[in-house]
C-alpha atoms as a PDB file:
ATOM      1  CA  MET A   1     156.454 149.851  97.908  1.00  0.00           C
ATOM      2  CA  LEU A   2     153.829 147.106  97.762  1.00  0.00           C
ATOM      3  CA  ARG A   3     151.845 146.237 100.855  1.00  0.00           C
ATOM      4  CA  GLN A   4     152.787 142.908 102.378  1.00  0.00           C
ATOM      5  CA  TRP A   5     150.623 139.876 103.040  1.00  0.00           C
ATOM      6  CA  ARG A   6     151.751 136.578 104.530  1.00  0.00           C
ATOM      7  CA  PHE A   7     151.810 133.368 102.473  1.00  0.00           C
ATOM      8  CA  LEU A   8     151.369 130.198 104.554  1.00  0.00           C
ATOM      9  CA  ASN A   9     151.665 126.673 103.189  1.00  0.00           C
ATOM     10  CA  THR A  10     150.654 124.445 106.089  1.00  0.00           C
ATOM     11  CA  GLY A  11     150.511 121.184 104.140  1.00  0.00           C
ATOM     12  CA  ALA A  12     147.990 118.394 104.676  1.00  0.00           C
ATOM     13  CA  GLY A  13     146.312 118.681 108.067  1.00  0.00           C
ATOM     14  CA  ASP A  14     143.793 117.078 110.356  1.00  0.00           C
ATOM     15  CA  ALA A  15     140.244 118.218 109.559  1.00  0.00           C
ATOM     16  CA  ALA A  16     139.573 119.731 112.974  1.00  0.00           C
ATOM     17  CA  LEU A  17     142.929 121.498 113.069  1.00  0.00           C
ATOM     18  CA  ASN A  18     142.448 122.852 109.546  1.00  0.00           C
ATOM     19  CA  MET A  19     139.217 124.574 110.563  1.00  0.00           C
ATOM     20  CA  ALA A  20     140.581 125.649 113.941  1.00  0.00           C
ATOM     21  CA  LEU A  21     143.623 127.250 112.330  1.00  0.00           C
ATOM     22  CA  ASP A  22     141.496 129.208 109.845  1.00  0.00           C
ATOM     23  CA  GLU A  23     139.431 130.575 112.734  1.00  0.00           C
ATOM     24  CA  ALA A  24     142.584 131.342 114.737  1.00  0.00           C
ATOM     25  CA  LEU A  25     144.097 133.271 111.823  1.00  0.00           C
ATOM     26  CA  LEU A  26     140.905 135.357 111.613  1.00  0.00           C
ATOM     27  CA  THR A  27     140.843 136.008 115.375  1.00  0.00           C
ATOM     28  CA  VAL A  28     144.468 137.129 115.540  1.00  0.00           C
ATOM     29  CA  HIS A  29     144.116 139.351 112.472  1.00  0.00           C
ATOM     30  CA  GLU A  30     140.906 140.834 113.893  1.00  0.00           C
ATOM     31  CA  ALA A  31     142.931 141.806 116.971  1.00  0.00           C
ATOM     32  CA  GLY A  32     145.442 143.635 114.776  1.00  0.00           C
ATOM     33  CA  ALA A  33     148.259 141.213 115.622  1.00  0.00           C
ATOM     34  CA  SER A  34     149.015 139.830 112.142  1.00  0.00           C
ATOM     35  CA  LEU A  35     149.221 140.807 108.478  1.00  0.00           C
ATOM     36  CA  PRO A  36     146.564 139.763 105.967  1.00  0.00           C
ATOM     37  CA  THR A  37     147.225 136.125 105.098  1.00  0.00           C
ATOM     38  CA  LEU A  38     146.793 133.755 102.178  1.00  0.00           C
ATOM     39  CA  ARG A  39     147.016 130.148 103.343  1.00  0.00           C
ATOM     40  CA  VAL A  40     147.090 126.962 101.239  1.00  0.00           C
ATOM     41  CA  TYR A  41     146.594 123.497 102.690  1.00  0.00           C
ATOM     42  CA  GLY A  42     145.302 119.963 102.200  1.00  0.00           C
ATOM     43  CA  TRP A  43     143.611 117.198 104.204  1.00  0.00           C
ATOM     44  CA  CYS A  44     145.130 114.131 105.903  1.00  0.00           C
ATOM     45  CA  GLN A  45     142.093 112.001 105.115  1.00  0.00           C
ATOM     46  CA  PRO A  46     138.850 112.316 103.145  1.00  0.00           C
ATOM     47  CA  THR A  47     136.635 114.867 104.890  1.00  0.00           C
ATOM     48  CA  LEU A  48     133.095 116.151 104.530  1.00  0.00           C
ATOM     49  CA  SER A  49     132.910 119.744 105.764  1.00  0.00           C
ATOM     50  CA  LEU A  50     129.521 121.219 106.593  1.00  0.00           C
ATOM     51  CA  GLY A  51     128.396 124.818 106.472  1.00  0.00           C
ATOM     52  CA  TYR A  52     127.972 126.681 109.771  1.00  0.00           C
ATOM     53  CA  ALA A  53     124.176 126.368 109.865  1.00  0.00           C
ATOM     54  CA  GLN A  54     123.788 123.038 108.041  1.00  0.00           C
ATOM     55  CA  ASN A  55     121.708 120.318 109.706  1.00  0.00           C
ATOM     56  CA  ALA A  56     124.082 117.359 110.007  1.00  0.00           C
ATOM     57  CA  PRO A  57     121.576 114.622 110.975  1.00  0.00           C
ATOM     58  CA  GLN A  58     119.252 115.757 108.179  1.00  0.00           C
ATOM     59  CA  ASP A  59     121.852 116.151 105.425  1.00  0.00           C
ATOM     60  CA  VAL A  60     124.627 113.668 106.213  1.00  0.00           C
ATOM     61  CA  ALA A  61     124.708 109.859 106.104  1.00  0.00           C
ATOM     62  CA  LEU A  62     126.794 109.707 109.262  1.00  0.00           C
ATOM     63  CA  SER A  63     127.040 105.909 109.420  1.00  0.00           C
ATOM     64  CA  THR A  64     128.250 105.770 105.814  1.00  0.00           C
ATOM     65  CA  CYS A  65     130.890 108.412 106.506  1.00  0.00           C
ATOM     66  CA  GLN A  66     132.131 106.433 109.485  1.00  0.00           C
ATOM     67  CA  ALA A  67     132.192 103.170 107.523  1.00  0.00           C
ATOM     68  CA  GLN A  68     134.165 104.771 104.680  1.00  0.00           C
ATOM     69  CA  GLY A  69     136.635 106.581 106.922  1.00  0.00           C
ATOM     70  CA  VAL A  70     135.323 110.023 106.000  1.00  0.00           C
ATOM     71  CA  VAL A  71     135.715 112.639 108.747  1.00  0.00           C
ATOM     72  CA  VAL A  72     132.823 115.063 109.296  1.00  0.00           C
ATOM     73  CA  VAL A  73     133.711 118.591 110.457  1.00  0.00           C
ATOM     74  CA  ARG A  74     131.671 121.791 110.623  1.00  0.00           C
ATOM     75  CA  ARG A  75     133.195 124.946 109.145  1.00  0.00           C
ATOM     76  CA  PRO A  76     133.109 128.385 110.803  1.00  0.00           C
ATOM     77  CA  THR A  77     131.717 129.654 107.480  1.00  0.00           C
ATOM     78  CA  GLY A  78     128.363 129.174 105.775  1.00  0.00           C
ATOM     79  CA  GLY A  79     127.296 127.222 102.726  1.00  0.00           C
ATOM     80  CA  ARG A  80     126.698 123.546 102.126  1.00  0.00           C
ATOM     81  CA  ALA A  81     128.660 120.301 102.292  1.00  0.00           C
ATOM     82  CA  VAL A  82     132.028 119.958 100.541  1.00  0.00           C
ATOM     83  CA  PHE A  83     133.936 116.697 100.074  1.00  0.00           C
ATOM     84  CA  HIS A  84     137.656 117.364 100.571  1.00  0.00           C
ATOM     85  CA  HIS A  85     140.122 114.839  99.231  1.00  0.00           C
ATOM     86  CA  GLN A  86     142.323 115.386  96.158  1.00  0.00           C
ATOM     87  CA  GLU A  87     142.286 119.159  96.217  1.00  0.00           C
ATOM     88  CA  VAL A  88     143.979 122.415  97.132  1.00  0.00           C
ATOM     89  CA  THR A  89     142.218 124.436  99.813  1.00  0.00           C
ATOM     90  CA  TYR A  90     142.844 128.153 100.141  1.00  0.00           C
ATOM     91  CA  SER A  91     141.967 130.568 102.923  1.00  0.00           C
ATOM     92  CA  VAL A  92     142.372 134.317 102.953  1.00  0.00           C
ATOM     93  CA  VAL A  93     142.159 136.567 106.013  1.00  0.00           C
ATOM     94  CA  MET A  94     142.035 140.298 105.337  1.00  0.00           C
ATOM     95  CA  PRO A  95     140.640 143.521 106.800  1.00  0.00           C
ATOM     96  CA  LEU A  96     137.108 144.615 105.941  1.00  0.00           C
ATOM     97  CA  GLU A  97     138.243 148.182 105.292  1.00  0.00           C
ATOM     98  CA  ASP A  98     140.727 147.207 102.559  1.00  0.00           C
ATOM     99  CA  GLY A  99     139.208 149.648 100.058  1.00  0.00           C
ATOM    100  CA  LEU A 100     136.245 147.342  99.440  1.00  0.00           C
ATOM    101  CA  GLN A 101     132.672 147.954 100.529  1.00  0.00           C
ATOM    102  CA  GLY A 102     130.403 145.090 101.506  1.00  0.00           C
ATOM    103  CA  ILE A 103     130.318 141.324 101.225  1.00  0.00           C
ATOM    104  CA  THR A 104     129.679 141.386  97.481  1.00  0.00           C
ATOM    105  CA  ALA A 105     132.795 143.458  96.783  1.00  0.00           C
ATOM    106  CA  HIS A 106     134.971 141.077  98.777  1.00  0.00           C
ATOM    107  CA  TYR A 107     133.548 137.989  97.064  1.00  0.00           C
ATOM    108  CA  TYR A 108     134.085 139.702  93.710  1.00  0.00           C
ATOM    109  CA  HIS A 109     137.712 140.706  94.276  1.00  0.00           C
ATOM    110  CA  ILE A 110     138.675 137.377  95.827  1.00  0.00           C
ATOM    111  CA  GLY A 111     136.914 135.758  92.883  1.00  0.00           C
ATOM    112  CA  LEU A 112     139.037 137.855  90.526  1.00  0.00           C
ATOM    113  CA  ALA A 113     142.185 136.662  92.306  1.00  0.00           C
ATOM    114  CA  LEU A 114     141.098 133.025  92.046  1.00  0.00           C
ATOM    115  CA  ALA A 115     140.209 133.491  88.388  1.00  0.00           C
ATOM    116  CA  ALA A 116     143.599 135.075  87.654  1.00  0.00           C
ATOM    117  CA  ALA A 117     145.286 132.125  89.365  1.00  0.00           C
ATOM    118  CA  LEU A 118     143.401 129.429  87.484  1.00  0.00           C
ATOM    119  CA  GLN A 119     143.762 131.207  84.161  1.00  0.00           C
ATOM    120  CA  THR A 120     147.531 130.811  84.490  1.00  0.00           C
ATOM    121  CA  LEU A 121     146.917 127.037  84.459  1.00  0.00           C
ATOM    122  CA  GLY A 122     145.189 127.352  81.089  1.00  0.00           C
ATOM    123  CA  LEU A 123     141.606 127.103  82.307  1.00  0.00           C
ATOM    124  CA  PRO A 124     138.974 129.262  80.535  1.00  0.00           C
ATOM    125  CA  ILE A 125     137.475 130.493  83.795  1.00  0.00           C
ATOM    126  CA  ARG A 126     134.172 132.328  83.978  1.00  0.00           C
ATOM    127  CA  LEU A 127     133.451 134.533  86.986  1.00  0.00           C
ATOM    128  CA  ALA A 128     129.721 135.001  87.214  1.00  0.00           C
ATOM    129  CA  ARG A 129     126.931 135.940  89.562  1.00  0.00           C
ATOM    130  CA  PRO A 130     124.074 133.714  88.411  1.00  0.00           C
ATOM    131  CA  GLN A 131     120.927 133.076  90.327  1.00  0.00           C
ATOM    132  CA  VAL A 132     121.208 130.009  92.517  1.00  0.00           C
ATOM    133  CA  ARG A 133     118.783 127.498  91.083  1.00  0.00           C
ATOM    134  CA  ASP A 134     118.129 123.826  91.413  1.00  0.00           C
ATOM    135  CA  ALA A 135     118.553 121.347  88.603  1.00  0.00           C
ATOM    136  CA  ALA A 136     115.469 120.583  86.546  1.00  0.00           C
ATOM    137  CA  GLY A 137     113.023 118.432  88.394  1.00  0.00           C
ATOM    138  CA  ARG A 138     114.622 118.828  91.793  1.00  0.00           C
ATOM    139  CA  THR A 139     112.109 119.519  94.542  1.00  0.00           C
ATOM    140  CA  GLU A 140     114.607 120.670  97.158  1.00  0.00           C
ATOM    141  CA  PRO A 141     118.142 122.112  97.146  1.00  0.00           C
ATOM    142  CA  SER A 142     121.042 119.681  97.209  1.00  0.00           C
ATOM    143  CA  PRO A 143     123.037 119.608 100.461  1.00  0.00           C
ATOM    144  CA  ALA A 144     126.212 119.602  98.323  1.00  0.00           C
ATOM    145  CA  CYS A 145     128.044 122.895  97.825  1.00  0.00           C
ATOM    146  CA  PHE A 146     129.221 122.167  94.284  1.00  0.00           C
ATOM    147  CA  ALA A 147     125.659 121.471  93.086  1.00  0.00           C
ATOM    148  CA  ALA A 148     125.028 125.185  92.423  1.00  0.00           C
ATOM    149  CA  ILE A 149     127.038 128.241  91.456  1.00  0.00           C
ATOM    150  CA  SER A 150     126.701 131.120  93.906  1.00  0.00           C
ATOM    151  CA  ARG A 151     127.856 134.736  93.971  1.00  0.00           C
ATOM    152  CA  TYR A 152     131.061 135.408  92.027  1.00  0.00           C
ATOM    153  CA  GLU A 153     132.140 131.790  91.992  1.00  0.00           C
ATOM    154  CA  LEU A 154     134.167 130.204  89.226  1.00  0.00           C
ATOM    155  CA  SER A 155     133.068 127.859  86.491  1.00  0.00           C
ATOM    156  CA  VAL A 156     134.431 126.304  83.317  1.00  0.00           C
ATOM    157  CA  ASP A 157     131.968 125.282  80.601  1.00  0.00           C
ATOM    158  CA  GLY A 158     129.132 125.611  83.114  1.00  0.00           C
ATOM    159  CA  LYS A 159     130.822 123.387  85.714  1.00  0.00           C
ATOM    160  CA  LYS A 160     131.488 124.893  89.128  1.00  0.00           C
ATOM    161  CA  LEU A 161     135.217 124.699  89.846  1.00  0.00           C
ATOM    162  CA  VAL A 162     135.716 126.422  93.218  1.00  0.00           C
ATOM    163  CA  GLY A 163     133.404 126.337  96.230  1.00  0.00           C
ATOM    164  CA  SER A 164     133.946 129.177  98.706  1.00  0.00           C
ATOM    165  CA  ALA A 165     132.392 130.436 101.936  1.00  0.00           C
ATOM    166  CA  GLN A 166     132.967 133.439 104.163  1.00  0.00           C
ATOM    167  CA  LYS A 167     132.872 134.514 107.804  1.00  0.00           C
ATOM    168  CA  ARG A 168     132.962 138.196 108.735  1.00  0.00           C
ATOM    169  CA  ALA A 169     134.045 139.618 112.073  1.00  0.00           C
ATOM    170  CA  GLN A 170     133.869 143.302 113.046  1.00  0.00           C
ATOM    171  CA  ARG A 171     137.088 144.354 111.318  1.00  0.00           C
ATOM    172  CA  ALA A 172     138.226 141.340 109.300  1.00  0.00           C
ATOM    173  CA  LEU A 173     136.966 138.445 107.208  1.00  0.00           C
ATOM    174  CA  LEU A 174     137.862 134.855 106.522  1.00  0.00           C
ATOM    175  CA  GLN A 175     137.090 133.312 103.154  1.00  0.00           C
ATOM    176  CA  HIS A 176     138.151 129.784 102.358  1.00  0.00           C
ATOM    177  CA  GLY A 177     137.379 127.398  99.569  1.00  0.00           C
ATOM    178  CA  SER A 178     137.947 124.088  97.840  1.00  0.00           C
ATOM    179  CA  ILE A 179     139.733 123.742  94.497  1.00  0.00           C
ATOM    180  CA  PRO A 180     139.346 120.058  93.516  1.00  0.00           C
ATOM    181  CA  LEU A 181     142.101 118.537  91.424  1.00  0.00           C
ATOM    182  CA  TRP A 182     139.990 115.407  90.990  1.00  0.00           C
ATOM    183  CA  MET A 183     136.404 114.847  92.131  1.00  0.00           C
ATOM    184  CA  ASP A 184     134.798 111.686  93.489  1.00  0.00           C
ATOM    185  CA  ARG A 185     131.153 112.588  92.919  1.00  0.00           C
ATOM    186  CA  GLN A 186     129.813 109.182  93.872  1.00  0.00           C
ATOM    187  CA  ARG A 187     131.543 109.209  97.233  1.00  0.00           C
ATOM    188  CA  LEU A 188     130.254 112.718  97.926  1.00  0.00           C
ATOM    189  CA  PHE A 189     126.624 111.723  97.442  1.00  0.00           C
ATOM    190  CA  GLN A 190     127.084 108.442  99.318  1.00  0.00           C
ATOM    191  CA  CYS A 191     128.061 110.577 102.311  1.00  0.00           C
ATOM    192  CA  LEU A 192     124.937 112.715 101.995  1.00  0.00           C
ATOM    193  CA  ARG A 193     121.472 111.696 103.061  1.00  0.00           C
ATOM    194  CA  VAL A 194     119.744 111.515  99.678  1.00  0.00           C
ATOM    195  CA  PRO A 195     117.112 108.979  98.586  1.00  0.00           C
ATOM    196  CA  LEU A 196     118.754 105.972  96.925  1.00  0.00           C
ATOM    197  CA  ALA A 197     116.346 106.252  94.009  1.00  0.00           C
ATOM    198  CA  ARG A 198     117.624 109.775  93.280  1.00  0.00           C
ATOM    199  CA  LEU A 199     121.301 108.827  93.318  1.00  0.00           C
ATOM    200  CA  PRO A 200     121.674 108.009  89.578  1.00  0.00           C
ATOM    201  CA  ALA A 201     120.030 111.305  88.590  1.00  0.00           C
ATOM    202  CA  LEU A 202     122.131 113.259  91.099  1.00  0.00           C
ATOM    203  CA  LEU A 203     125.325 111.693  89.773  1.00  0.00           C
ATOM    204  CA  GLN A 204     124.327 112.529  86.218  1.00  0.00           C
ATOM    205  CA  GLU A 205     123.607 116.128  87.218  1.00  0.00           C
ATOM    206  CA  ALA A 206     126.885 116.283  89.139  1.00  0.00           C
ATOM    207  CA  GLN A 207     128.864 115.165  86.108  1.00  0.00           C
ATOM    208  CA  ALA A 208     127.417 118.104  84.205  1.00  0.00           C
ATOM    209  CA  SER A 209     127.598 120.736  86.967  1.00  0.00           C
ATOM    210  CA  MET A 210     130.671 119.928  89.100  1.00  0.00           C
ATOM    211  CA  GLY A 211     134.205 120.321  87.792  1.00  0.00           C
ATOM    212  CA  ALA A 212     137.777 119.557  88.859  1.00  0.00           C
ATOM    213  CA  VAL A 213     140.987 121.139  87.630  1.00  0.00           C
ATOM    214  CA  ASN A 214     142.692 118.012  86.304  1.00  0.00           C
ATOM    215  CA  GLU A 215     139.528 116.783  84.606  1.00  0.00           C
ATOM    216  CA  MET A 216     139.657 119.915  82.451  1.00  0.00           C
ATOM    217  CA  LEU A 217     143.356 120.077  81.628  1.00  0.00           C
ATOM    218  CA  SER A 218     145.155 117.957  79.056  1.00  0.00           C
ATOM    219  CA  THR A 219     148.192 117.757  81.376  1.00  0.00           C
ATOM    220  CA  PRO A 220     147.401 117.336  85.100  1.00  0.00           C
ATOM    221  CA  VAL A 221     148.941 119.820  87.539  1.00  0.00           C
ATOM    222  CA  THR A 222     150.301 119.264  91.031  1.00  0.00           C
ATOM    223  CA  PRO A 223     149.185 121.016  94.225  1.00  0.00           C
ATOM    224  CA  THR A 224     152.463 122.963  94.193  1.00  0.00           C
ATOM    225  CA  THR A 225     151.631 124.376  90.766  1.00  0.00           C
ATOM    226  CA  VAL A 226     148.220 125.500  92.040  1.00  0.00           C
ATOM    227  CA  HIS A 227     149.829 127.054  95.139  1.00  0.00           C
ATOM    228  CA  GLU A 228     152.110 129.190  92.988  1.00  0.00           C
ATOM    229  CA  ALA A 229     149.227 130.157  90.709  1.00  0.00           C
ATOM    230  CA  LEU A 230     147.203 131.303  93.740  1.00  0.00           C
ATOM    231  CA  ARG A 231     150.140 133.288  95.005  1.00  0.00           C
ATOM    232  CA  THR A 232     150.448 135.067  91.666  1.00  0.00           C
ATOM    233  CA  GLY A 233     146.705 135.638  91.327  1.00  0.00           C
ATOM    234  CA  PHE A 234     146.296 137.243  94.759  1.00  0.00           C
ATOM    235  CA  SER A 235     149.480 139.288  94.457  1.00  0.00           C
ATOM    236  CA  THR A 236     148.416 140.733  91.101  1.00  0.00           C
ATOM    237  CA  THR A 237     144.757 141.308  91.950  1.00  0.00           C
ATOM    238  CA  PHE A 238     145.299 142.949  95.346  1.00  0.00           C
ATOM    239  CA  GLY A 239     148.588 144.665  94.498  1.00  0.00           C
ATOM    240  CA  VAL A 240     150.464 143.072  97.380  1.00  0.00           C
ATOM    241  CA  GLU A 241     153.713 141.224  98.006  1.00  0.00           C
ATOM    242  CA  LEU A 242     153.180 137.777  99.503  1.00  0.00           C
ATOM    243  CA  ILE A 243     155.952 136.925 101.952  1.00  0.00           C
ATOM    244  CA  ASP A 244     156.704 133.316 102.879  1.00  0.00           C
ATOM    245  CA  SER A 245     155.856 133.033 106.550  1.00  0.00           C
ATOM    246  CA  ALA A 246     154.931 130.614 109.308  1.00  0.00           C
ATOM    247  CA  VAL A 247     152.056 130.276 111.749  1.00  0.00           C
ATOM    248  CA  THR A 248     152.955 132.138 114.935  1.00  0.00           C
ATOM    249  CA  ALA A 249     153.085 130.574 118.378  1.00  0.00           C
ATOM    250  CA  GLU A 250     149.989 132.543 119.404  1.00  0.00           C
ATOM    251  CA  GLU A 251     148.055 131.348 116.331  1.00  0.00           C
ATOM    252  CA  TRP A 252     149.032 127.722 116.994  1.00  0.00           C
ATOM    253  CA  ARG A 253     148.071 128.034 120.673  1.00  0.00           C
ATOM    254  CA  LEU A 254     144.626 129.347 119.787  1.00  0.00           C
ATOM    255  CA  ALA A 255     144.186 126.823 116.962  1.00  0.00           C
ATOM    256  CA  HIS A 256     144.953 123.858 119.233  1.00  0.00           C
ATOM    257  CA  HIS A 257     142.580 125.252 121.853  1.00  0.00           C
ATOM    258  CA  LEU A 258     139.786 125.597 119.283  1.00  0.00           C
ATOM    259  CA  GLN A 259     140.554 122.139 117.930  1.00  0.00           C
ATOM    260  CA  ALA A 260     140.137 120.607 121.382  1.00  0.00           C
ATOM    261  CA  ILE A 261     137.017 122.406 122.612  1.00  0.00           C
ATOM    262  CA  LYS A 262     135.194 122.913 119.308  1.00  0.00           C
ATOM    263  CA  TYR A 263     136.210 121.280 116.058  1.00  0.00           C
ATOM    264  CA  ASN A 264     137.003 117.864 117.574  1.00  0.00           C
ATOM    265  CA  THR A 265     133.600 117.633 119.272  1.00  0.00           C
ATOM    266  CA  ALA A 266     130.379 116.030 118.090  1.00  0.00           C
ATOM    267  CA  LEU A 267     128.573 118.846 119.895  1.00  0.00           C
ATOM    268  CA  TRP A 268     129.878 121.339 117.319  1.00  0.00           C
ATOM    269  CA  ASN A 269     130.195 119.107 114.264  1.00  0.00           C
ATOM    270  CA  ILE A 270     126.919 117.198 114.551  1.00  0.00           C
ATOM    271  CA  ASP A 271     124.600 118.989 116.995  1.00  0.00           C
ATOM    272  CA  GLY A 272     125.522 122.441 115.694  1.00  0.00           C
ATOM    273  CA  PRO A 273     126.548 125.908 116.884  1.00  0.00           C
ATOM    274  CA  ALA A 274     123.538 126.552 119.113  1.00  0.00           C
ATOM    275  CA  ALA A 275     124.035 123.330 121.071  1.00  0.00           C
ATOM    276  CA  TRP A 276     127.781 123.926 121.291  1.00  0.00           C
ATOM    277  CA  ARG A 277     127.347 127.476 122.634  1.00  0.00           C
ATOM    278  CA  GLN A 278     124.934 126.300 125.340  1.00  0.00           C
ATOM    279  CA  CYS A 279     127.461 123.819 126.709  1.00  0.00           C
ATOM    280  CA  THR A 280     130.772 125.621 126.127  1.00  0.00           C
ATOM    281  CA  PRO A 281     132.257 128.345 128.349  1.00  0.00           C
ATOM    282  CA  VAL A 282     132.967 131.678 126.709  1.00  0.00           C
ATOM    283  CA  LEU A 283     136.394 131.606 125.064  1.00  0.00           C
END
């Protein structure tokens, strides 16, 4: 009999609640109170998510985001800025001892599952582990996640297609990532603090290095199609049965608590984790 994982489709959500729920799913699974979980979701409004340690005032054009109605939220995971809009977002929560050793093995096997999913859509996916490097002539790394391919991430014709990040607890991990269906590169860089003179070059580089699913397919696919592809890819790769499920009352309670005290606050999203910890009681 196949092992069972949960499959959650939570629809389009508020930015703060999306991040709070991912953290809640990790916390509950870490406590041994839930099965491993694959979640798919979207975003109620355009959102710029920042990596855990990213410097918001340095990297983000906060006034531009506000003027354009773009929400800024900090993820519980690392990495750089991701613009979430017309996309499918996945998150997977699973035990660390699931037959895999180390962060690289988990990135690799989750990458295999994502690759299997996107191959069913007809995309010639490449799963690689290239060196992270800047584009020619760039003097400093871009604050945008999709500007560089990292460990075991997915690309098509050299264009990065999925941006993922991970958080590891003592016994479990959370990995989540963005699968753009369409990509608004100009809006992404308008939301980042980059010199205006560099914007044309950055957009040109982005056109060559950042990809989106429906830009690469002759017939566009819907989020539902991508959801089913992800379900198949994870089931096949990990040898599990994904059971339609729902967020539990305990997970929702914790998620709403985290939304209120953490992910809805400028202290966390803008000032950063260190400032938030200094001013927030222990959970």
